[in-house]
Amino acid sequence: MGTGDSLGLDSKAISALPVINKFIDRIELKKLLLNCIPSKQNQKLSHVDAILIFVRNILLEREPLYKLSEWAAGFGPCLVGLYDVDPEILSRSSQTCLSKTPINTSTPSLNNCQDNSF
């Protein structure tokens, strides 16, 4: 190694995410949500993946929406469900949702699901 080489260390947390992810897989939560929530092809992050990230966040630390990207950046992308997506997309998405989405106080019905076999 030359004297101009610089080495860096990037540490990421693990926490209880492997256990939570195993539980999410075991109860097939993603499959259930995919049956109930439509998704668009041109999305960088699907609605289902965003919901699963919110679930992980609530179970671990309950960070507010505006800090979700900071929270996700502290973990390996695969552990929080981002895979090849930049964690910054979470802050941009939450700002867009909060500024444009009216608050709906009605409870959504599961009768709209494509497959009611749960």
PDB file of N, CA and C in Angstrom:
ATOM      1  N   MET A   1       0.841  -1.183   0.000  1.00  0.00           N
ATOM      2  CA  MET A   1       0.000   0.000   0.000  1.00  0.00           C
ATOM      3  C   MET A   1       0.881   1.240   0.000  1.00  0.00           C
ATOM      4  N   GLY A   2       0.458   2.210  -0.745  1.00  0.00           N
ATOM      5  CA  GLY A   2       1.181   3.465  -0.777  1.00  0.00           C
ATOM      6  C   GLY A   2       0.760   4.364   0.368  1.00  0.00           C
ATOM      7  N   THR A   3       1.509   5.430   0.541  1.00  0.00           N
ATOM      8  CA  THR A   3       1.185   6.356   1.627  1.00  0.00           C
ATOM      9  C   THR A   3      -0.038   7.191   1.314  1.00  0.00           C
ATOM     10  N   GLY A   4      -0.447   7.254   0.055  1.00  0.00           N
ATOM     11  CA  GLY A   4      -1.617   8.057  -0.322  1.00  0.00           C
ATOM     12  C   GLY A   4      -2.930   7.302  -0.178  1.00  0.00           C
ATOM     13  N   ASP A   5      -2.867   5.993   0.089  1.00  0.00           N
ATOM     14  CA  ASP A   5      -4.086   5.197   0.237  1.00  0.00           C
ATOM     15  C   ASP A   5      -4.772   5.530   1.555  1.00  0.00           C
ATOM     16  N   SER A   6      -6.058   5.655   1.483  1.00  0.00           N
ATOM     17  CA  SER A   6      -6.795   5.887   2.731  1.00  0.00           C
ATOM     18  C   SER A   6      -7.800   4.771   2.932  1.00  0.00           C
ATOM     19  N   LEU A   7      -7.883   4.337   4.122  1.00  0.00           N
ATOM     20  CA  LEU A   7      -8.816   3.282   4.477  1.00  0.00           C
ATOM     21  C   LEU A   7      -9.932   3.877   5.312  1.00  0.00           C
ATOM     22  N   GLY A   8     -11.121   3.351   5.148  1.00  0.00           N
ATOM     23  CA  GLY A   8     -12.250   3.828   5.933  1.00  0.00           C
ATOM     24  C   GLY A   8     -13.032   2.657   6.490  1.00  0.00           C
ATOM     25  N   LEU A   9     -13.703   2.912   7.537  1.00  0.00           N
ATOM     26  CA  LEU A   9     -14.532   1.897   8.164  1.00  0.00           C
ATOM     27  C   LEU A   9     -15.953   2.412   8.213  1.00  0.00           C
ATOM     28  N   ASP A  10     -16.854   1.627   7.687  1.00  0.00           N
ATOM     29  CA  ASP A  10     -18.268   1.986   7.697  1.00  0.00           C
ATOM     30  C   ASP A  10     -19.006   0.914   8.478  1.00  0.00           C
ATOM     31  N   SER A  11     -19.398   1.232   9.691  1.00  0.00           N
ATOM     32  CA  SER A  11     -20.083   0.238  10.511  1.00  0.00           C
ATOM     33  C   SER A  11     -21.589   0.448  10.449  1.00  0.00           C
ATOM     34  N   LYS A  12     -22.310  -0.639  10.448  1.00  0.00           N
ATOM     35  CA  LYS A  12     -23.767  -0.631  10.406  1.00  0.00           C
ATOM     36  C   LYS A  12     -24.295  -1.445  11.589  1.00  0.00           C
ATOM     37  N   ALA A  13     -25.448  -1.066  12.060  1.00  0.00           N
ATOM     38  CA  ALA A  13     -26.083  -1.779  13.173  1.00  0.00           C
ATOM     39  C   ALA A  13     -26.849  -2.993  12.654  1.00  0.00           C
ATOM     40  N   ILE A  14     -27.090  -3.935  13.523  1.00  0.00           N
ATOM     41  CA  ILE A  14     -27.897  -5.109  13.183  1.00  0.00           C
ATOM     42  C   ILE A  14     -29.167  -5.111  14.017  1.00  0.00           C
ATOM     43  N   SER A  15     -29.022  -4.903  15.319  1.00  0.00           N
ATOM     44  CA  SER A  15     -30.132  -4.861  16.261  1.00  0.00           C
ATOM     45  C   SER A  15     -30.956  -6.148  16.155  1.00  0.00           C
ATOM     46  N   ALA A  16     -32.267  -6.033  16.274  1.00  0.00           N
ATOM     47  CA  ALA A  16     -33.147  -7.202  16.208  1.00  0.00           C
ATOM     48  C   ALA A  16     -33.708  -7.419  14.810  1.00  0.00           C
ATOM     49  N   LEU A  17     -33.166  -6.728  13.809  1.00  0.00           N
ATOM     50  CA  LEU A  17     -33.711  -6.833  12.454  1.00  0.00           C
ATOM     51  C   LEU A  17     -33.711  -8.253  11.888  1.00  0.00           C
ATOM     52  N   PRO A  18     -32.703  -9.072  12.093  1.00  0.00           N
ATOM     53  CA  PRO A  18     -32.798 -10.438  11.569  1.00  0.00           C
ATOM     54  C   PRO A  18     -33.987 -11.218  12.140  1.00  0.00           C
ATOM     55  N   VAL A  19     -34.266 -11.019  13.407  1.00  0.00           N
ATOM     56  CA  VAL A  19     -35.401 -11.704  14.037  1.00  0.00           C
ATOM     57  C   VAL A  19     -36.725 -11.156  13.486  1.00  0.00           C
ATOM     58  N   ILE A  20     -36.812  -9.837  13.372  1.00  0.00           N
ATOM     59  CA  ILE A  20     -38.027  -9.207  12.830  1.00  0.00           C
ATOM     60  C   ILE A  20     -38.246  -9.625  11.384  1.00  0.00           C
ATOM     61  N   ASN A  21     -37.175  -9.645  10.594  1.00  0.00           N
ATOM     62  CA  ASN A  21     -37.305 -10.052   9.193  1.00  0.00           C
ATOM     63  C   ASN A  21     -37.760 -11.501   9.064  1.00  0.00           C
ATOM     64  N   LYS A  22     -37.235 -12.362   9.918  1.00  0.00           N
ATOM     65  CA  LYS A  22     -37.656 -13.769   9.902  1.00  0.00           C
ATOM     66  C   LYS A  22     -39.138 -13.882  10.248  1.00  0.00           C
ATOM     67  N   PHE A  23     -39.582 -13.110  11.215  1.00  0.00           N
ATOM     68  CA  PHE A  23     -40.993 -13.118  11.594  1.00  0.00           C
ATOM     69  C   PHE A  23     -41.867 -12.599  10.450  1.00  0.00           C
ATOM     70  N   ILE A  24     -41.439 -11.510   9.805  1.00  0.00           N
ATOM     71  CA  ILE A  24     -42.185 -10.955   8.670  1.00  0.00           C
ATOM     72  C   ILE A  24     -42.275 -11.991   7.553  1.00  0.00           C
ATOM     73  N   ASP A  25     -41.180 -12.699   7.288  1.00  0.00           N
ATOM     74  CA  ASP A  25     -41.186 -13.749   6.257  1.00  0.00           C
ATOM     75  C   ASP A  25     -42.099 -14.908   6.657  1.00  0.00           C
ATOM     76  N   ARG A  26     -42.016 -15.291   7.917  1.00  0.00           N
ATOM     77  CA  ARG A  26     -42.780 -16.455   8.383  1.00  0.00           C
ATOM     78  C   ARG A  26     -44.292 -16.225   8.306  1.00  0.00           C
ATOM     79  N   ILE A  27     -44.747 -15.021   8.637  1.00  0.00           N
ATOM     80  CA  ILE A  27     -46.191 -14.750   8.570  1.00  0.00           C
ATOM     81  C   ILE A  27     -46.622 -14.282   7.181  1.00  0.00           C
ATOM     82  N   GLU A  28     -45.656 -14.234   6.252  1.00  0.00           N
ATOM     83  CA  GLU A  28     -45.908 -13.847   4.853  1.00  0.00           C
ATOM     84  C   GLU A  28     -46.602 -12.493   4.752  1.00  0.00           C
ATOM     85  N   LEU A  29     -46.110 -11.539   5.532  1.00  0.00           N
ATOM     86  CA  LEU A  29     -46.706 -10.206   5.552  1.00  0.00           C
ATOM     87  C   LEU A  29     -46.573  -9.511   4.204  1.00  0.00           C
ATOM     88  N   LYS A  30     -45.436  -9.659   3.553  1.00  0.00           N
ATOM     89  CA  LYS A  30     -45.251  -9.014   2.248  1.00  0.00           C
ATOM     90  C   LYS A  30     -46.246  -9.565   1.229  1.00  0.00           C
ATOM     91  N   LYS A  31     -46.444 -10.868   1.223  1.00  0.00           N
ATOM     92  CA  LYS A  31     -47.401 -11.492   0.301  1.00  0.00           C
ATOM     93  C   LYS A  31     -48.819 -10.977   0.559  1.00  0.00           C
ATOM     94  N   LEU A  32     -49.183 -10.871   1.824  1.00  0.00           N
ATOM     95  CA  LEU A  32     -50.506 -10.366   2.187  1.00  0.00           C
ATOM     96  C   LEU A  32     -50.683  -8.929   1.712  1.00  0.00           C
ATOM     97  N   LEU A  33     -49.681  -8.098   1.956  1.00  0.00           N
ATOM     98  CA  LEU A  33     -49.768  -6.700   1.544  1.00  0.00           C
ATOM     99  C   LEU A  33     -49.781  -6.565   0.029  1.00  0.00           C
ATOM    100  N   LEU A  34     -49.008  -7.393  -0.679  1.00  0.00           N
ATOM    101  CA  LEU A  34     -49.010  -7.350  -2.145  1.00  0.00           C
ATOM    102  C   LEU A  34     -50.379  -7.689  -2.719  1.00  0.00           C
ATOM    103  N   ASN A  35     -51.110  -8.568  -2.043  1.00  0.00           N
ATOM    104  CA  ASN A  35     -52.462  -8.916  -2.490  1.00  0.00           C
ATOM    105  C   ASN A  35     -53.458  -7.785  -2.262  1.00  0.00           C
ATOM    106  N   CYS A  36     -53.172  -6.926  -1.307  1.00  0.00           N
ATOM    107  CA  CYS A  36     -54.125  -5.880  -0.922  1.00  0.00           C
ATOM    108  C   CYS A  36     -53.788  -4.494  -1.459  1.00  0.00           C
ATOM    109  N   ILE A  37     -52.539  -4.236  -1.764  1.00  0.00           N
ATOM    110  CA  ILE A  37     -52.114  -2.889  -2.131  1.00  0.00           C
ATOM    111  C   ILE A  37     -51.548  -2.893  -3.546  1.00  0.00           C
ATOM    112  N   PRO A  38     -52.168  -2.138  -4.443  1.00  0.00           N
ATOM    113  CA  PRO A  38     -51.641  -2.080  -5.817  1.00  0.00           C
ATOM    114  C   PRO A  38     -50.317  -1.317  -5.851  1.00  0.00           C
ATOM    115  N   SER A  39     -49.498  -1.657  -6.828  1.00  0.00           N
ATOM    116  CA  SER A  39     -48.204  -1.013  -6.973  1.00  0.00           C
ATOM    117  C   SER A  39     -48.015  -0.595  -8.424  1.00  0.00           C
ATOM    118  N   LYS A  40     -47.248   0.477  -8.615  1.00  0.00           N
ATOM    119  CA  LYS A  40     -46.965   0.962  -9.961  1.00  0.00           C
ATOM    120  C   LYS A  40     -45.576   0.500 -10.379  1.00  0.00           C
ATOM    121  N   GLN A  41     -45.389   0.278 -11.661  1.00  0.00           N
ATOM    122  CA  GLN A  41     -44.112  -0.215 -12.168  1.00  0.00           C
ATOM    123  C   GLN A  41     -42.996   0.816 -12.069  1.00  0.00           C
ATOM    124  N   ASN A  42     -43.309   2.102 -12.139  1.00  0.00           N
ATOM    125  CA  ASN A  42     -42.276   3.129 -12.182  1.00  0.00           C
ATOM    126  C   ASN A  42     -41.866   3.643 -10.797  1.00  0.00           C
ATOM    127  N   GLN A  43     -42.270   2.975  -9.736  1.00  0.00           N
ATOM    128  CA  GLN A  43     -41.910   3.399  -8.389  1.00  0.00           C
ATOM    129  C   GLN A  43     -40.499   2.942  -8.042  1.00  0.00           C
ATOM    130  N   LYS A  44     -39.749   3.802  -7.370  1.00  0.00           N
ATOM    131  CA  LYS A  44     -38.427   3.414  -6.887  1.00  0.00           C
ATOM    132  C   LYS A  44     -38.567   2.508  -5.669  1.00  0.00           C
ATOM    133  N   LEU A  45     -39.584   2.772  -4.864  1.00  0.00           N
ATOM    134  CA  LEU A  45     -39.855   1.971  -3.676  1.00  0.00           C
ATOM    135  C   LEU A  45     -41.358   1.726  -3.637  1.00  0.00           C
ATOM    136  N   SER A  46     -41.750   0.466  -3.660  1.00  0.00           N
ATOM    137  CA  SER A  46     -43.182   0.152  -3.685  1.00  0.00           C
ATOM    138  C   SER A  46     -43.845   0.517  -2.358  1.00  0.00           C
ATOM    139  N   HIS A  47     -45.148   0.650  -2.399  1.00  0.00           N
ATOM    140  CA  HIS A  47     -45.904   0.954  -1.183  1.00  0.00           C
ATOM    141  C   HIS A  47     -45.720  -0.156  -0.153  1.00  0.00           C
ATOM    142  N   VAL A  48     -45.705  -1.385  -0.613  1.00  0.00           N
ATOM    143  CA  VAL A  48     -45.555  -2.529   0.284  1.00  0.00           C
ATOM    144  C   VAL A  48     -44.188  -2.490   0.973  1.00  0.00           C
ATOM    145  N   ASP A  49     -43.132  -2.230   0.205  1.00  0.00           N
ATOM    146  CA  ASP A  49     -41.799  -2.152   0.810  1.00  0.00           C
ATOM    147  C   ASP A  49     -41.716  -1.002   1.808  1.00  0.00           C
ATOM    148  N   ALA A  50     -42.349   0.120   1.497  1.00  0.00           N
ATOM    149  CA  ALA A  50     -42.358   1.258   2.427  1.00  0.00           C
ATOM    150  C   ALA A  50     -43.075   0.895   3.725  1.00  0.00           C
ATOM    151  N   ILE A  51     -44.205   0.215   3.617  1.00  0.00           N
ATOM    152  CA  ILE A  51     -44.956  -0.200   4.809  1.00  0.00           C
ATOM    153  C   ILE A  51     -44.108  -1.152   5.656  1.00  0.00           C
ATOM    154  N   LEU A  52     -43.407  -2.074   5.012  1.00  0.00           N
ATOM    155  CA  LEU A  52     -42.566  -3.009   5.757  1.00  0.00           C
ATOM    156  C   LEU A  52     -41.412  -2.294   6.454  1.00  0.00           C
ATOM    157  N   ILE A  53     -40.886  -1.255   5.838  1.00  0.00           N
ATOM    158  CA  ILE A  53     -39.851  -0.447   6.491  1.00  0.00           C
ATOM    159  C   ILE A  53     -40.435   0.271   7.705  1.00  0.00           C
ATOM    160  N   PHE A  54     -41.648   0.802   7.563  1.00  0.00           N
ATOM    161  CA  PHE A  54     -42.315   1.458   8.694  1.00  0.00           C
ATOM    162  C   PHE A  54     -42.540   0.469   9.837  1.00  0.00           C
ATOM    163  N   VAL A  55     -42.944  -0.755   9.501  1.00  0.00           N
ATOM    164  CA  VAL A  55     -43.171  -1.784  10.520  1.00  0.00           C
ATOM    165  C   VAL A  55     -41.869  -2.077  11.264  1.00  0.00           C
ATOM    166  N   ARG A  56     -40.790  -2.256  10.519  1.00  0.00           N
ATOM    167  CA  ARG A  56     -39.490  -2.513  11.162  1.00  0.00           C
ATOM    168  C   ARG A  56     -39.101  -1.354  12.081  1.00  0.00           C
ATOM    169  N   ASN A  57     -39.304  -0.137  11.599  1.00  0.00           N
ATOM    170  CA  ASN A  57     -38.956   1.038  12.379  1.00  0.00           C
ATOM    171  C   ASN A  57     -39.775   1.123  13.665  1.00  0.00           C
ATOM    172  N   ILE A  58     -41.053   0.890  13.567  1.00  0.00           N
ATOM    173  CA  ILE A  58     -41.927   0.965  14.744  1.00  0.00           C
ATOM    174  C   ILE A  58     -41.551  -0.100  15.763  1.00  0.00           C
ATOM    175  N   LEU A  59     -41.245  -1.300  15.288  1.00  0.00           N
ATOM    176  CA  LEU A  59     -40.886  -2.382  16.204  1.00  0.00           C
ATOM    177  C   LEU A  59     -39.543  -2.152  16.897  1.00  0.00           C
ATOM    178  N   LEU A  60     -38.637  -1.438  16.238  1.00  0.00           N
ATOM    179  CA  LEU A  60     -37.305  -1.234  16.809  1.00  0.00           C
ATOM    180  C   LEU A  60     -37.164   0.055  17.598  1.00  0.00           C
ATOM    181  N   GLU A  61     -37.480   1.193  16.964  1.00  0.00           N
ATOM    182  CA  GLU A  61     -37.122   2.458  17.597  1.00  0.00           C
ATOM    183  C   GLU A  61     -38.190   3.542  17.541  1.00  0.00           C
ATOM    184  N   ARG A  62     -39.169   3.403  16.717  1.00  0.00           N
ATOM    185  CA  ARG A  62     -40.264   4.374  16.593  1.00  0.00           C
ATOM    186  C   ARG A  62     -39.765   5.788  16.283  1.00  0.00           C
ATOM    187  N   GLU A  63     -38.888   5.889  15.288  1.00  0.00           N
ATOM    188  CA  GLU A  63     -38.412   7.194  14.849  1.00  0.00           C
ATOM    189  C   GLU A  63     -39.527   7.907  14.084  1.00  0.00           C
ATOM    190  N   PRO A  64     -39.600   9.228  14.172  1.00  0.00           N
ATOM    191  CA  PRO A  64     -40.606   9.964  13.408  1.00  0.00           C
ATOM    192  C   PRO A  64     -40.311   9.869  11.908  1.00  0.00           C
ATOM    193  N   LEU A  65     -41.326  10.124  11.095  1.00  0.00           N
ATOM    194  CA  LEU A  65     -41.182   9.995   9.642  1.00  0.00           C
ATOM    195  C   LEU A  65     -40.033  10.817   9.085  1.00  0.00           C
ATOM    196  N   TYR A  66     -39.833  12.017   9.592  1.00  0.00           N
ATOM    197  CA  TYR A  66     -38.791  12.861   9.034  1.00  0.00           C
ATOM    198  C   TYR A  66     -37.384  12.354   9.352  1.00  0.00           C
ATOM    199  N   LYS A  67     -37.250  11.412  10.272  1.00  0.00           N
ATOM    200  CA  LYS A  67     -35.947  10.834  10.600  1.00  0.00           C
ATOM    201  C   LYS A  67     -35.793   9.415  10.074  1.00  0.00           C
ATOM    202  N   LEU A  68     -36.732   8.956   9.274  1.00  0.00           N
ATOM    203  CA  LEU A  68     -36.718   7.578   8.802  1.00  0.00           C
ATOM    204  C   LEU A  68     -35.495   7.274   7.943  1.00  0.00           C
ATOM    205  N   SER A  69     -35.084   8.201   7.087  1.00  0.00           N
ATOM    206  CA  SER A  69     -33.913   7.945   6.241  1.00  0.00           C
ATOM    207  C   SER A  69     -32.642   7.856   7.085  1.00  0.00           C
ATOM    208  N   GLU A  70     -32.529   8.691   8.119  1.00  0.00           N
ATOM    209  CA  GLU A  70     -31.376   8.612   9.019  1.00  0.00           C
ATOM    210  C   GLU A  70     -31.355   7.277   9.749  1.00  0.00           C
ATOM    211  N   TRP A  71     -32.509   6.828  10.194  1.00  0.00           N
ATOM    212  CA  TRP A  71     -32.614   5.552  10.892  1.00  0.00           C
ATOM    213  C   TRP A  71     -32.194   4.417   9.973  1.00  0.00           C
ATOM    214  N   ALA A  72     -32.723   4.403   8.757  1.00  0.00           N
ATOM    215  CA  ALA A  72     -32.428   3.326   7.811  1.00  0.00           C
ATOM    216  C   ALA A  72     -30.959   3.319   7.397  1.00  0.00           C
ATOM    217  N   ALA A  73     -30.337   4.483   7.321  1.00  0.00           N
ATOM    218  CA  ALA A  73     -28.930   4.569   6.918  1.00  0.00           C
ATOM    219  C   ALA A  73     -27.999   3.936   7.951  1.00  0.00           C
ATOM    220  N   GLY A  74     -28.460   3.786   9.175  1.00  0.00           N
ATOM    221  CA  GLY A  74     -27.647   3.180  10.219  1.00  0.00           C
ATOM    222  C   GLY A  74     -27.588   1.671  10.157  1.00  0.00           C
ATOM    223  N   PHE A  75     -28.365   1.065   9.278  1.00  0.00           N
ATOM    224  CA  PHE A  75     -28.415  -0.388   9.132  1.00  0.00           C
ATOM    225  C   PHE A  75     -27.981  -0.762   7.722  1.00  0.00           C
ATOM    226  N   GLY A  76     -27.674  -2.016   7.524  1.00  0.00           N
ATOM    227  CA  GLY A  76     -27.409  -2.502   6.174  1.00  0.00           C
ATOM    228  C   GLY A  76     -28.687  -2.407   5.355  1.00  0.00           C
ATOM    229  N   PRO A  77     -28.600  -1.988   4.100  1.00  0.00           N
ATOM    230  CA  PRO A  77     -29.802  -1.793   3.283  1.00  0.00           C
ATOM    231  C   PRO A  77     -30.692  -3.028   3.185  1.00  0.00           C
ATOM    232  N   CYS A  78     -30.086  -4.213   3.109  1.00  0.00           N
ATOM    233  CA  CYS A  78     -30.888  -5.438   3.003  1.00  0.00           C
ATOM    234  C   CYS A  78     -31.665  -5.723   4.285  1.00  0.00           C
ATOM    235  N   LEU A  79     -31.119  -5.333   5.429  1.00  0.00           N
ATOM    236  CA  LEU A  79     -31.800  -5.588   6.700  1.00  0.00           C
ATOM    237  C   LEU A  79     -33.079  -4.781   6.855  1.00  0.00           C
ATOM    238  N   VAL A  80     -33.090  -3.540   6.342  1.00  0.00           N
ATOM    239  CA  VAL A  80     -34.290  -2.712   6.488  1.00  0.00           C
ATOM    240  C   VAL A  80     -35.224  -2.842   5.287  1.00  0.00           C
ATOM    241  N   GLY A  81     -34.813  -3.576   4.257  1.00  0.00           N
ATOM    242  CA  GLY A  81     -35.678  -3.786   3.110  1.00  0.00           C
ATOM    243  C   GLY A  81     -35.449  -2.827   1.961  1.00  0.00           C
ATOM    244  N   LEU A  82     -34.322  -2.126   1.951  1.00  0.00           N
ATOM    245  CA  LEU A  82     -34.063  -1.165   0.874  1.00  0.00           C
ATOM    246  C   LEU A  82     -33.331  -1.796  -0.301  1.00  0.00           C
ATOM    247  N   TYR A  83     -32.538  -2.814  -0.080  1.00  0.00           N
ATOM    248  CA  TYR A  83     -31.762  -3.520  -1.101  1.00  0.00           C
ATOM    249  C   TYR A  83     -30.930  -2.550  -1.926  1.00  0.00           C
ATOM    250  N   ASP A  84     -31.372  -2.141  -3.110  1.00  0.00           N
ATOM    251  CA  ASP A  84     -30.555  -1.260  -3.947  1.00  0.00           C
ATOM    252  C   ASP A  84     -31.094   0.170  -4.015  1.00  0.00           C
ATOM    253  N   VAL A  85     -31.870   0.566  -3.023  1.00  0.00           N
ATOM    254  CA  VAL A  85     -32.466   1.907  -2.996  1.00  0.00           C
ATOM    255  C   VAL A  85     -31.742   2.756  -1.942  1.00  0.00           C
ATOM    256  N   ASP A  86     -31.482   4.007  -2.274  1.00  0.00           N
ATOM    257  CA  ASP A  86     -30.825   4.941  -1.360  1.00  0.00           C
ATOM    258  C   ASP A  86     -31.777   5.290  -0.209  1.00  0.00           C
ATOM    259  N   PRO A  87     -31.328   5.234   1.041  1.00  0.00           N
ATOM    260  CA  PRO A  87     -32.204   5.566   2.176  1.00  0.00           C
ATOM    261  C   PRO A  87     -32.797   6.971   2.109  1.00  0.00           C
ATOM    262  N   GLU A  88     -32.161   7.885   1.378  1.00  0.00           N
ATOM    263  CA  GLU A  88     -32.681   9.253   1.246  1.00  0.00           C
ATOM    264  C   GLU A  88     -34.065   9.289   0.606  1.00  0.00           C
ATOM    265  N   ILE A  89     -34.409   8.243  -0.151  1.00  0.00           N
ATOM    266  CA  ILE A  89     -35.726   8.212  -0.779  1.00  0.00           C
ATOM    267  C   ILE A  89     -36.827   8.228   0.274  1.00  0.00           C
ATOM    268  N   LEU A  90     -36.532   7.730   1.465  1.00  0.00           N
ATOM    269  CA  LEU A  90     -37.537   7.709   2.529  1.00  0.00           C
ATOM    270  C   LEU A  90     -37.871   9.114   3.002  1.00  0.00           C
ATOM    271  N   SER A  91     -36.890   9.975   3.101  1.00  0.00           N
ATOM    272  CA  SER A  91     -37.189  11.336   3.554  1.00  0.00           C
ATOM    273  C   SER A  91     -37.915  12.111   2.469  1.00  0.00           C
ATOM    274  N   ARG A  92     -37.529  11.916   1.212  1.00  0.00           N
ATOM    275  CA  ARG A  92     -38.230  12.598   0.119  1.00  0.00           C
ATOM    276  C   ARG A  92     -39.665  12.108   0.017  1.00  0.00           C
ATOM    277  N   SER A  93     -39.869  10.803   0.154  1.00  0.00           N
ATOM    278  CA  SER A  93     -41.211  10.236   0.059  1.00  0.00           C
ATOM    279  C   SER A  93     -42.099  10.700   1.197  1.00  0.00           C
ATOM    280  N   SER A  94     -41.561  10.726   2.412  1.00  0.00           N
ATOM    281  CA  SER A  94     -42.381  11.139   3.553  1.00  0.00           C
ATOM    282  C   SER A  94     -42.736  12.610   3.463  1.00  0.00           C
ATOM    283  N   GLN A  95     -41.830  13.444   2.968  1.00  0.00           N
ATOM    284  CA  GLN A  95     -42.141  14.866   2.809  1.00  0.00           C
ATOM    285  C   GLN A  95     -43.226  15.063   1.771  1.00  0.00           C
ATOM    286  N   THR A  96     -43.165  14.300   0.669  1.00  0.00           N
ATOM    287  CA  THR A  96     -44.184  14.393  -0.371  1.00  0.00           C
ATOM    288  C   THR A  96     -45.529  13.928   0.164  1.00  0.00           C
ATOM    289  N   CYS A  97     -45.535  12.824   0.876  1.00  0.00           N
ATOM    290  CA  CYS A  97     -46.795  12.291   1.416  1.00  0.00           C
ATOM    291  C   CYS A  97     -47.409  13.243   2.423  1.00  0.00           C
ATOM    292  N   LEU A  98     -46.583  13.780   3.295  1.00  0.00           N
ATOM    293  CA  LEU A  98     -47.106  14.646   4.341  1.00  0.00           C
ATOM    294  C   LEU A  98     -47.624  15.969   3.780  1.00  0.00           C
ATOM    295  N   SER A  99     -47.044  16.436   2.693  1.00  0.00           N
ATOM    296  CA  SER A  99     -47.463  17.730   2.161  1.00  0.00           C
ATOM    297  C   SER A  99     -48.663  17.634   1.232  1.00  0.00           C
ATOM    298  N   LYS A 100     -48.908  16.473   0.624  1.00  0.00           N
ATOM    299  CA  LYS A 100     -49.967  16.373  -0.381  1.00  0.00           C
ATOM    300  C   LYS A 100     -51.138  15.488   0.015  1.00  0.00           C
ATOM    301  N   THR A 101     -50.968  14.637   0.989  1.00  0.00           N
ATOM    302  CA  THR A 101     -51.994  13.671   1.315  1.00  0.00           C
ATOM    303  C   THR A 101     -52.912  14.195   2.408  1.00  0.00           C
ATOM    304  N   PRO A 102     -54.229  14.287   2.125  1.00  0.00           N
ATOM    305  CA  PRO A 102     -55.149  14.671   3.201  1.00  0.00           C
ATOM    306  C   PRO A 102     -55.284  13.530   4.201  1.00  0.00           C
ATOM    307  N   ILE A 103     -55.525  13.869   5.418  1.00  0.00           N
ATOM    308  CA  ILE A 103     -55.676  12.858   6.463  1.00  0.00           C
ATOM    309  C   ILE A 103     -57.033  12.192   6.310  1.00  0.00           C
ATOM    310  N   ASN A 104     -57.014  10.871   6.240  1.00  0.00           N
ATOM    311  CA  ASN A 104     -58.229  10.082   6.111  1.00  0.00           C
ATOM    312  C   ASN A 104     -58.458   9.382   7.439  1.00  0.00           C
ATOM    313  N   THR A 105     -59.540   9.703   8.091  1.00  0.00           N
ATOM    314  CA  THR A 105     -59.802   9.115   9.402  1.00  0.00           C
ATOM    315  C   THR A 105     -60.624   7.841   9.322  1.00  0.00           C
ATOM    316  N   SER A 106     -61.081   7.474   8.138  1.00  0.00           N
ATOM    317  CA  SER A 106     -61.865   6.250   8.022  1.00  0.00           C
ATOM    318  C   SER A 106     -60.937   5.042   8.044  1.00  0.00           C
ATOM    319  N   THR A 107     -61.434   3.929   8.520  1.00  0.00           N
ATOM    320  CA  THR A 107     -60.665   2.704   8.598  1.00  0.00           C
ATOM    321  C   THR A 107     -60.777   1.962   7.279  1.00  0.00           C
ATOM    322  N   PRO A 108     -59.636   1.583   6.667  1.00  0.00           N
ATOM    323  CA  PRO A 108     -59.715   0.856   5.404  1.00  0.00           C
ATOM    324  C   PRO A 108     -60.277  -0.545   5.621  1.00  0.00           C
ATOM    325  N   SER A 109     -60.964  -1.025   4.623  1.00  0.00           N
ATOM    326  CA  SER A 109     -61.571  -2.333   4.697  1.00  0.00           C
ATOM    327  C   SER A 109     -60.687  -3.366   4.018  1.00  0.00           C
ATOM    328  N   LEU A 110     -60.548  -4.522   4.605  1.00  0.00           N
ATOM    329  CA  LEU A 110     -59.785  -5.592   3.980  1.00  0.00           C
ATOM    330  C   LEU A 110     -60.597  -6.297   2.918  1.00  0.00           C
ATOM    331  N   ASN A 111     -61.855  -5.931   2.717  1.00  0.00           N
ATOM    332  CA  ASN A 111     -62.678  -6.563   1.698  1.00  0.00           C
ATOM    333  C   ASN A 111     -62.200  -6.216   0.300  1.00  0.00           C
ATOM    334  N   ASN A 112     -61.352  -5.187   0.167  1.00  0.00           N
ATOM    335  CA  ASN A 112     -60.843  -4.781  -1.136  1.00  0.00           C
ATOM    336  C   ASN A 112     -59.656  -5.637  -1.585  1.00  0.00           C
ATOM    337  N   CYS A 113     -59.209  -6.555  -0.764  1.00  0.00           N
ATOM    338  CA  CYS A 113     -58.073  -7.388  -1.123  1.00  0.00           C
ATOM    339  C   CYS A 113     -58.438  -8.329  -2.255  1.00  0.00           C
ATOM    340  N   GLN A 114     -57.447  -8.658  -3.074  1.00  0.00           N
ATOM    341  CA  GLN A 114     -57.680  -9.560  -4.185  1.00  0.00           C
ATOM    342  C   GLN A 114     -57.865 -10.989  -3.699  1.00  0.00           C
ATOM    343  N   ASP A 115     -57.201 -11.343  -2.633  1.00  0.00           N
ATOM    344  CA  ASP A 115     -57.253 -12.710  -2.120  1.00  0.00           C
ATOM    345  C   ASP A 115     -57.611 -12.649  -0.645  1.00  0.00           C
ATOM    346  N   ASN A 116     -58.811 -13.065  -0.285  1.00  0.00           N
ATOM    347  CA  ASN A 116     -59.258 -13.002   1.104  1.00  0.00           C
ATOM    348  C   ASN A 116     -59.022 -14.323   1.846  1.00  0.00           C
ATOM    349  N   SER A 117     -57.934 -15.007   1.485  1.00  0.00           N
ATOM    350  CA  SER A 117     -57.682 -16.321   2.100  1.00  0.00           C
ATOM    351  C   SER A 117     -56.827 -16.232   3.352  1.00  0.00           C
ATOM    352  N   PHE A 118     -56.825 -15.109   4.014  1.00  0.00           N
ATOM    353  CA  PHE A 118     -56.016 -15.001   5.237  1.00  0.00           C
ATOM    354  C   PHE A 118     -56.932 -15.150   6.358  1.00  0.00           C
TER     355      PHE A 118
END
